[in-house]
Amino acid sequence: MRRCHTAIIDRQATAIIPIRKNGRPWNEDCPAAIARNETLRATRHYGGAFWKRWTGYHVPSRTEAKMRCLKAFGERIAARDPDRQTAEIQIRIALINRFNALGTAEIVRMA
């Protein structure tokens, strides 16, 4: 695991790797250990759920889940009845809209 953290730091990125509930601090002998211990302290202080929301940990998995739903329908329309074809297309459109909403940034007006 130290090699993963070291490789991430070498690329000047931030590791978003959750730490196990029974995780223990590492000896702070390298920058990777220092970064991991900071994550450990944050999750213990604020809680794992807050840390995951703050880091955006679930965003990739939500996006992947939506793509999985979209790919599950395949490339062709399966229904033969025109009414069912219409419903199938509407479902696909709703999924694509949801997928786009996940990737769209929220715009907040500042007073």
N, C-alpha and C. Protein backbone atom coordinates (compact mmCIF):
# COMPACT_ATOMS: atom_id res chain seq x y z
N MET A 1 0.82 -1.19 0.00
CA MET A 1 0.00 0.00 0.00
C MET A 1 0.87 1.27 0.00
N ARG A 2 2.03 1.17 0.63
CA ARG A 2 2.93 2.33 0.64
C ARG A 2 3.36 2.70 -0.77
N ARG A 3 3.57 1.68 -1.61
CA ARG A 3 3.98 1.96 -2.99
C ARG A 3 2.89 2.70 -3.75
N CYS A 4 1.62 2.37 -3.48
CA CYS A 4 0.51 3.08 -4.14
C CYS A 4 0.53 4.55 -3.74
N HIS A 5 0.62 4.81 -2.45
CA HIS A 5 0.64 6.19 -1.97
C HIS A 5 1.85 6.94 -2.50
N THR A 6 3.00 6.28 -2.54
CA THR A 6 4.21 6.92 -3.04
C THR A 6 4.07 7.26 -4.52
N ALA A 7 3.51 6.35 -5.31
CA ALA A 7 3.33 6.60 -6.74
C ALA A 7 2.37 7.76 -6.97
N ILE A 8 1.33 7.85 -6.16
CA ILE A 8 0.37 8.95 -6.29
C ILE A 8 1.03 10.28 -5.95
N ILE A 9 1.81 10.32 -4.89
CA ILE A 9 2.49 11.55 -4.49
C ILE A 9 3.55 11.94 -5.53
N ASP A 10 4.24 10.95 -6.12
CA ASP A 10 5.22 11.24 -7.16
C ASP A 10 4.59 11.92 -8.36
N ARG A 11 3.33 11.65 -8.61
CA ARG A 11 2.61 12.28 -9.73
C ARG A 11 1.92 13.57 -9.29
N GLN A 12 2.23 14.03 -8.09
CA GLN A 12 1.69 15.27 -7.53
C GLN A 12 0.17 15.26 -7.51
N ALA A 13 -0.39 14.15 -7.06
CA ALA A 13 -1.84 14.00 -6.94
C ALA A 13 -2.18 13.70 -5.49
N THR A 14 -3.47 13.70 -5.22
CA THR A 14 -3.95 13.40 -3.88
C THR A 14 -4.59 12.03 -3.88
N ALA A 15 -4.21 11.20 -2.93
CA ALA A 15 -4.76 9.84 -2.84
C ALA A 15 -6.14 9.90 -2.19
N ILE A 16 -7.10 9.31 -2.87
CA ILE A 16 -8.44 9.18 -2.29
C ILE A 16 -8.67 7.69 -2.06
N ILE A 17 -7.95 7.17 -1.10
CA ILE A 17 -8.03 5.75 -0.75
C ILE A 17 -8.58 5.67 0.67
N PRO A 18 -9.76 5.09 0.85
CA PRO A 18 -10.30 5.01 2.21
C PRO A 18 -9.47 4.07 3.07
N ILE A 19 -9.44 4.37 4.35
CA ILE A 19 -8.66 3.57 5.29
C ILE A 19 -9.62 2.67 6.05
N ARG A 20 -9.18 1.46 6.30
CA ARG A 20 -10.04 0.50 7.00
C ARG A 20 -10.44 1.04 8.38
N LYS A 21 -11.54 0.50 8.90
CA LYS A 21 -12.02 0.96 10.20
C LYS A 21 -11.00 0.71 11.30
N ASN A 22 -10.25 -0.38 11.19
CA ASN A 22 -9.26 -0.68 12.22
C ASN A 22 -7.85 -0.27 11.78
N GLY A 23 -7.76 0.70 10.86
CA GLY A 23 -6.46 1.15 10.36
C GLY A 23 -5.63 1.81 11.45
N ARG A 24 -4.34 1.58 11.41
CA ARG A 24 -3.40 2.13 12.37
C ARG A 24 -2.48 3.12 11.66
N PRO A 25 -1.99 4.13 12.40
CA PRO A 25 -1.05 5.08 11.77
C PRO A 25 0.25 4.39 11.36
N TRP A 26 0.81 4.88 10.26
CA TRP A 26 2.11 4.39 9.79
C TRP A 26 3.21 5.22 10.42
N ASN A 27 4.40 4.67 10.49
CA ASN A 27 5.56 5.45 10.91
C ASN A 27 5.81 6.53 9.87
N GLU A 28 5.93 7.76 10.31
CA GLU A 28 6.05 8.89 9.38
C GLU A 28 7.49 9.03 8.90
N ASP A 29 7.91 8.08 8.08
CA ASP A 29 9.26 8.10 7.55
C ASP A 29 9.31 8.50 6.08
N CYS A 30 8.16 8.76 5.47
CA CYS A 30 8.13 9.18 4.07
C CYS A 30 6.88 10.04 3.84
N PRO A 31 6.85 10.81 2.75
CA PRO A 31 5.68 11.66 2.49
C PRO A 31 4.38 10.88 2.33
N ALA A 32 4.47 9.65 1.82
CA ALA A 32 3.26 8.83 1.64
C ALA A 32 2.64 8.50 3.00
N ALA A 33 3.46 8.19 3.97
CA ALA A 33 2.96 7.87 5.30
C ALA A 33 2.33 9.09 5.96
N ILE A 34 2.93 10.25 5.75
CA ILE A 34 2.39 11.49 6.31
C ILE A 34 1.01 11.78 5.73
N ALA A 35 0.87 11.63 4.41
CA ALA A 35 -0.42 11.89 3.76
C ALA A 35 -1.47 10.89 4.22
N ARG A 36 -1.10 9.62 4.34
CA ARG A 36 -2.05 8.61 4.78
C ARG A 36 -2.48 8.86 6.22
N ASN A 37 -1.55 9.25 7.08
CA ASN A 37 -1.90 9.52 8.47
C ASN A 37 -2.83 10.73 8.58
N GLU A 38 -2.66 11.71 7.69
CA GLU A 38 -3.59 12.85 7.68
C GLU A 38 -5.00 12.39 7.32
N THR A 39 -5.10 11.49 6.35
CA THR A 39 -6.40 10.94 5.98
C THR A 39 -6.99 10.16 7.14
N LEU A 40 -6.17 9.39 7.81
CA LEU A 40 -6.63 8.62 8.97
C LEU A 40 -7.16 9.54 10.07
N ARG A 41 -6.42 10.62 10.35
CA ARG A 41 -6.88 11.56 11.38
C ARG A 41 -8.19 12.23 10.98
N ALA A 42 -8.32 12.58 9.69
CA ALA A 42 -9.55 13.23 9.23
C ALA A 42 -10.75 12.30 9.33
N THR A 43 -10.57 11.03 8.95
CA THR A 43 -11.69 10.10 9.03
C THR A 43 -12.07 9.80 10.47
N ARG A 44 -11.09 9.78 11.36
CA ARG A 44 -11.43 9.55 12.77
C ARG A 44 -12.11 10.76 13.38
N HIS A 45 -11.68 11.95 12.98
CA HIS A 45 -12.25 13.16 13.57
C HIS A 45 -13.63 13.49 13.01
N TYR A 46 -13.77 13.46 11.68
CA TYR A 46 -15.01 13.87 11.04
C TYR A 46 -15.93 12.70 10.70
N GLY A 47 -15.37 11.50 10.61
CA GLY A 47 -16.16 10.33 10.23
C GLY A 47 -15.94 9.97 8.77
N GLY A 48 -16.09 8.71 8.48
CA GLY A 48 -15.85 8.21 7.13
C GLY A 48 -16.83 8.75 6.11
N ALA A 49 -18.11 8.89 6.51
CA ALA A 49 -19.12 9.38 5.56
C ALA A 49 -18.82 10.81 5.13
N PHE A 50 -18.44 11.66 6.08
CA PHE A 50 -18.10 13.05 5.74
C PHE A 50 -16.86 13.09 4.84
N TRP A 51 -15.86 12.27 5.17
CA TRP A 51 -14.63 12.24 4.37
C TRP A 51 -14.94 11.83 2.94
N LYS A 52 -15.80 10.84 2.75
CA LYS A 52 -16.14 10.38 1.41
C LYS A 52 -16.88 11.45 0.63
N ARG A 53 -17.77 12.19 1.28
CA ARG A 53 -18.47 13.28 0.59
C ARG A 53 -17.51 14.42 0.27
N TRP A 54 -16.62 14.74 1.19
CA TRP A 54 -15.68 15.84 1.03
C TRP A 54 -14.69 15.58 -0.11
N THR A 55 -14.23 14.34 -0.24
CA THR A 55 -13.26 14.01 -1.28
C THR A 55 -13.91 13.65 -2.60
N GLY A 56 -15.23 13.44 -2.61
CA GLY A 56 -15.90 13.03 -3.84
C GLY A 56 -15.63 11.57 -4.16
N TYR A 57 -15.46 10.76 -3.14
CA TYR A 57 -15.10 9.36 -3.30
C TYR A 57 -16.13 8.58 -4.13
N HIS A 58 -17.41 8.90 -3.99
CA HIS A 58 -18.45 8.11 -4.65
C HIS A 58 -18.78 8.60 -6.06
N VAL A 59 -18.26 9.71 -6.49
CA VAL A 59 -18.61 10.25 -7.82
C VAL A 59 -18.25 9.28 -8.94
N PRO A 60 -17.03 8.73 -8.98
CA PRO A 60 -16.73 7.79 -10.07
C PRO A 60 -17.63 6.56 -10.05
N SER A 61 -17.93 6.04 -8.86
CA SER A 61 -18.76 4.84 -8.81
C SER A 61 -20.19 5.16 -9.25
N ARG A 62 -20.69 6.35 -8.95
CA ARG A 62 -22.03 6.71 -9.41
C ARG A 62 -22.06 6.83 -10.92
N THR A 63 -21.02 7.41 -11.49
CA THR A 63 -20.94 7.55 -12.93
C THR A 63 -20.83 6.18 -13.60
N GLU A 64 -20.00 5.31 -13.04
CA GLU A 64 -19.86 3.97 -13.60
C GLU A 64 -21.17 3.20 -13.52
N ALA A 65 -21.92 3.39 -12.44
CA ALA A 65 -23.21 2.71 -12.30
C ALA A 65 -24.19 3.17 -13.37
N LYS A 66 -24.20 4.46 -13.67
CA LYS A 66 -25.10 4.97 -14.71
C LYS A 66 -24.69 4.45 -16.08
N MET A 67 -23.38 4.38 -16.35
CA MET A 67 -22.94 3.83 -17.62
C MET A 67 -23.32 2.36 -17.73
N ARG A 68 -23.25 1.64 -16.63
CA ARG A 68 -23.64 0.23 -16.63
C ARG A 68 -25.12 0.10 -16.97
N CYS A 69 -25.94 0.96 -16.41
CA CYS A 69 -27.37 0.94 -16.73
C CYS A 69 -27.59 1.23 -18.21
N LEU A 70 -26.85 2.17 -18.74
CA LEU A 70 -27.01 2.54 -20.14
C LEU A 70 -26.57 1.40 -21.05
N LYS A 71 -25.47 0.75 -20.72
CA LYS A 71 -24.96 -0.34 -21.55
C LYS A 71 -25.83 -1.59 -21.43
N ALA A 72 -26.57 -1.72 -20.34
CA ALA A 72 -27.41 -2.90 -20.16
C ALA A 72 -28.51 -2.99 -21.21
N PHE A 73 -28.89 -1.87 -21.79
CA PHE A 73 -29.94 -1.88 -22.81
C PHE A 73 -29.42 -2.32 -24.17
N GLY A 74 -28.14 -2.27 -24.38
CA GLY A 74 -27.59 -2.68 -25.66
C GLY A 74 -27.67 -1.56 -26.69
N GLU A 75 -27.31 -1.89 -27.93
CA GLU A 75 -27.27 -0.88 -28.98
C GLU A 75 -28.59 -0.77 -29.73
N ARG A 76 -29.39 -1.81 -29.69
CA ARG A 76 -30.64 -1.83 -30.45
C ARG A 76 -31.84 -1.77 -29.53
N ILE A 77 -32.97 -1.42 -30.11
CA ILE A 77 -34.22 -1.42 -29.37
C ILE A 77 -34.75 -2.84 -29.35
N ALA A 78 -35.07 -3.34 -28.16
CA ALA A 78 -35.48 -4.73 -28.01
C ALA A 78 -36.98 -4.93 -28.26
N ALA A 79 -37.78 -3.92 -27.95
CA ALA A 79 -39.23 -4.07 -28.05
C ALA A 79 -39.68 -4.05 -29.52
N ARG A 80 -40.77 -4.79 -29.80
CA ARG A 80 -41.32 -4.81 -31.16
C ARG A 80 -42.57 -3.94 -31.26
N ASP A 81 -43.29 -3.83 -30.19
CA ASP A 81 -44.51 -3.02 -30.17
C ASP A 81 -44.12 -1.53 -30.17
N PRO A 82 -44.77 -0.71 -31.03
CA PRO A 82 -44.40 0.72 -31.10
C PRO A 82 -44.53 1.45 -29.77
N ASP A 83 -45.54 1.14 -28.98
CA ASP A 83 -45.69 1.80 -27.67
C ASP A 83 -44.55 1.43 -26.74
N ARG A 84 -44.16 0.19 -26.76
CA ARG A 84 -43.05 -0.25 -25.91
C ARG A 84 -41.72 0.31 -26.42
N GLN A 85 -41.59 0.46 -27.72
CA GLN A 85 -40.38 1.08 -28.26
C GLN A 85 -40.26 2.52 -27.77
N THR A 86 -41.39 3.22 -27.78
CA THR A 86 -41.40 4.60 -27.29
C THR A 86 -40.98 4.65 -25.83
N ALA A 87 -41.52 3.75 -25.01
CA ALA A 87 -41.17 3.71 -23.59
C ALA A 87 -39.69 3.39 -23.41
N GLU A 88 -39.17 2.47 -24.18
CA GLU A 88 -37.76 2.10 -24.08
C GLU A 88 -36.85 3.27 -24.43
N ILE A 89 -37.20 4.01 -25.46
CA ILE A 89 -36.41 5.18 -25.85
C ILE A 89 -36.48 6.26 -24.77
N GLN A 90 -37.66 6.45 -24.19
CA GLN A 90 -37.79 7.45 -23.12
C GLN A 90 -36.95 7.08 -21.91
N ILE A 91 -36.87 5.79 -21.60
CA ILE A 91 -36.05 5.34 -20.47
C ILE A 91 -34.57 5.61 -20.77
N ARG A 92 -34.15 5.33 -22.00
CA ARG A 92 -32.76 5.59 -22.37
C ARG A 92 -32.44 7.08 -22.28
N ILE A 93 -33.35 7.91 -22.74
CA ILE A 93 -33.14 9.36 -22.67
C ILE A 93 -33.03 9.82 -21.22
N ALA A 94 -33.90 9.28 -20.35
CA ALA A 94 -33.84 9.64 -18.93
C ALA A 94 -32.49 9.23 -18.32
N LEU A 95 -32.00 8.06 -18.71
CA LEU A 95 -30.70 7.62 -18.20
C LEU A 95 -29.57 8.51 -18.69
N ILE A 96 -29.61 8.87 -19.95
CA ILE A 96 -28.56 9.74 -20.49
C ILE A 96 -28.60 11.11 -19.79
N ASN A 97 -29.79 11.64 -19.54
CA ASN A 97 -29.92 12.92 -18.84
C ASN A 97 -29.36 12.81 -17.43
N ARG A 98 -29.63 11.69 -16.76
CA ARG A 98 -29.12 11.48 -15.41
C ARG A 98 -27.59 11.39 -15.43
N PHE A 99 -27.08 10.68 -16.43
CA PHE A 99 -25.63 10.54 -16.58
C PHE A 99 -24.98 11.91 -16.79
N ASN A 100 -25.59 12.74 -17.62
CA ASN A 100 -25.06 14.09 -17.85
C ASN A 100 -25.15 14.95 -16.60
N ALA A 101 -26.21 14.77 -15.81
CA ALA A 101 -26.36 15.55 -14.58
C ALA A 101 -25.26 15.21 -13.58
N LEU A 102 -24.81 13.97 -13.56
CA LEU A 102 -23.74 13.59 -12.64
C LEU A 102 -22.43 14.30 -12.98
N GLY A 103 -22.20 14.55 -14.26
CA GLY A 103 -20.95 15.18 -14.67
C GLY A 103 -21.01 16.68 -14.77
N THR A 104 -22.18 17.28 -14.52
CA THR A 104 -22.33 18.73 -14.64
C THR A 104 -22.03 19.41 -13.30
N ALA A 105 -21.27 20.46 -13.33
CA ALA A 105 -20.93 21.18 -12.11
C ALA A 105 -22.12 22.01 -11.62
N GLU A 106 -22.24 22.12 -10.32
CA GLU A 106 -23.28 22.96 -9.74
C GLU A 106 -22.81 24.41 -9.74
N ILE A 107 -23.67 25.31 -10.17
CA ILE A 107 -23.34 26.73 -10.22
C ILE A 107 -24.09 27.40 -9.08
N VAL A 108 -23.34 28.08 -8.22
CA VAL A 108 -23.93 28.74 -7.05
C VAL A 108 -23.72 30.23 -7.21
N ARG A 109 -24.79 30.99 -7.03
CA ARG A 109 -24.71 32.45 -7.13
C ARG A 109 -24.16 33.02 -5.85
N MET A 110 -23.15 33.86 -5.97
CA MET A 110 -22.55 34.49 -4.80
C MET A 110 -23.12 35.90 -4.69
N ALA A 111 -23.54 36.26 -3.49
CA ALA A 111 -24.14 37.58 -3.28
C ALA A 111 -23.12 38.68 -3.19
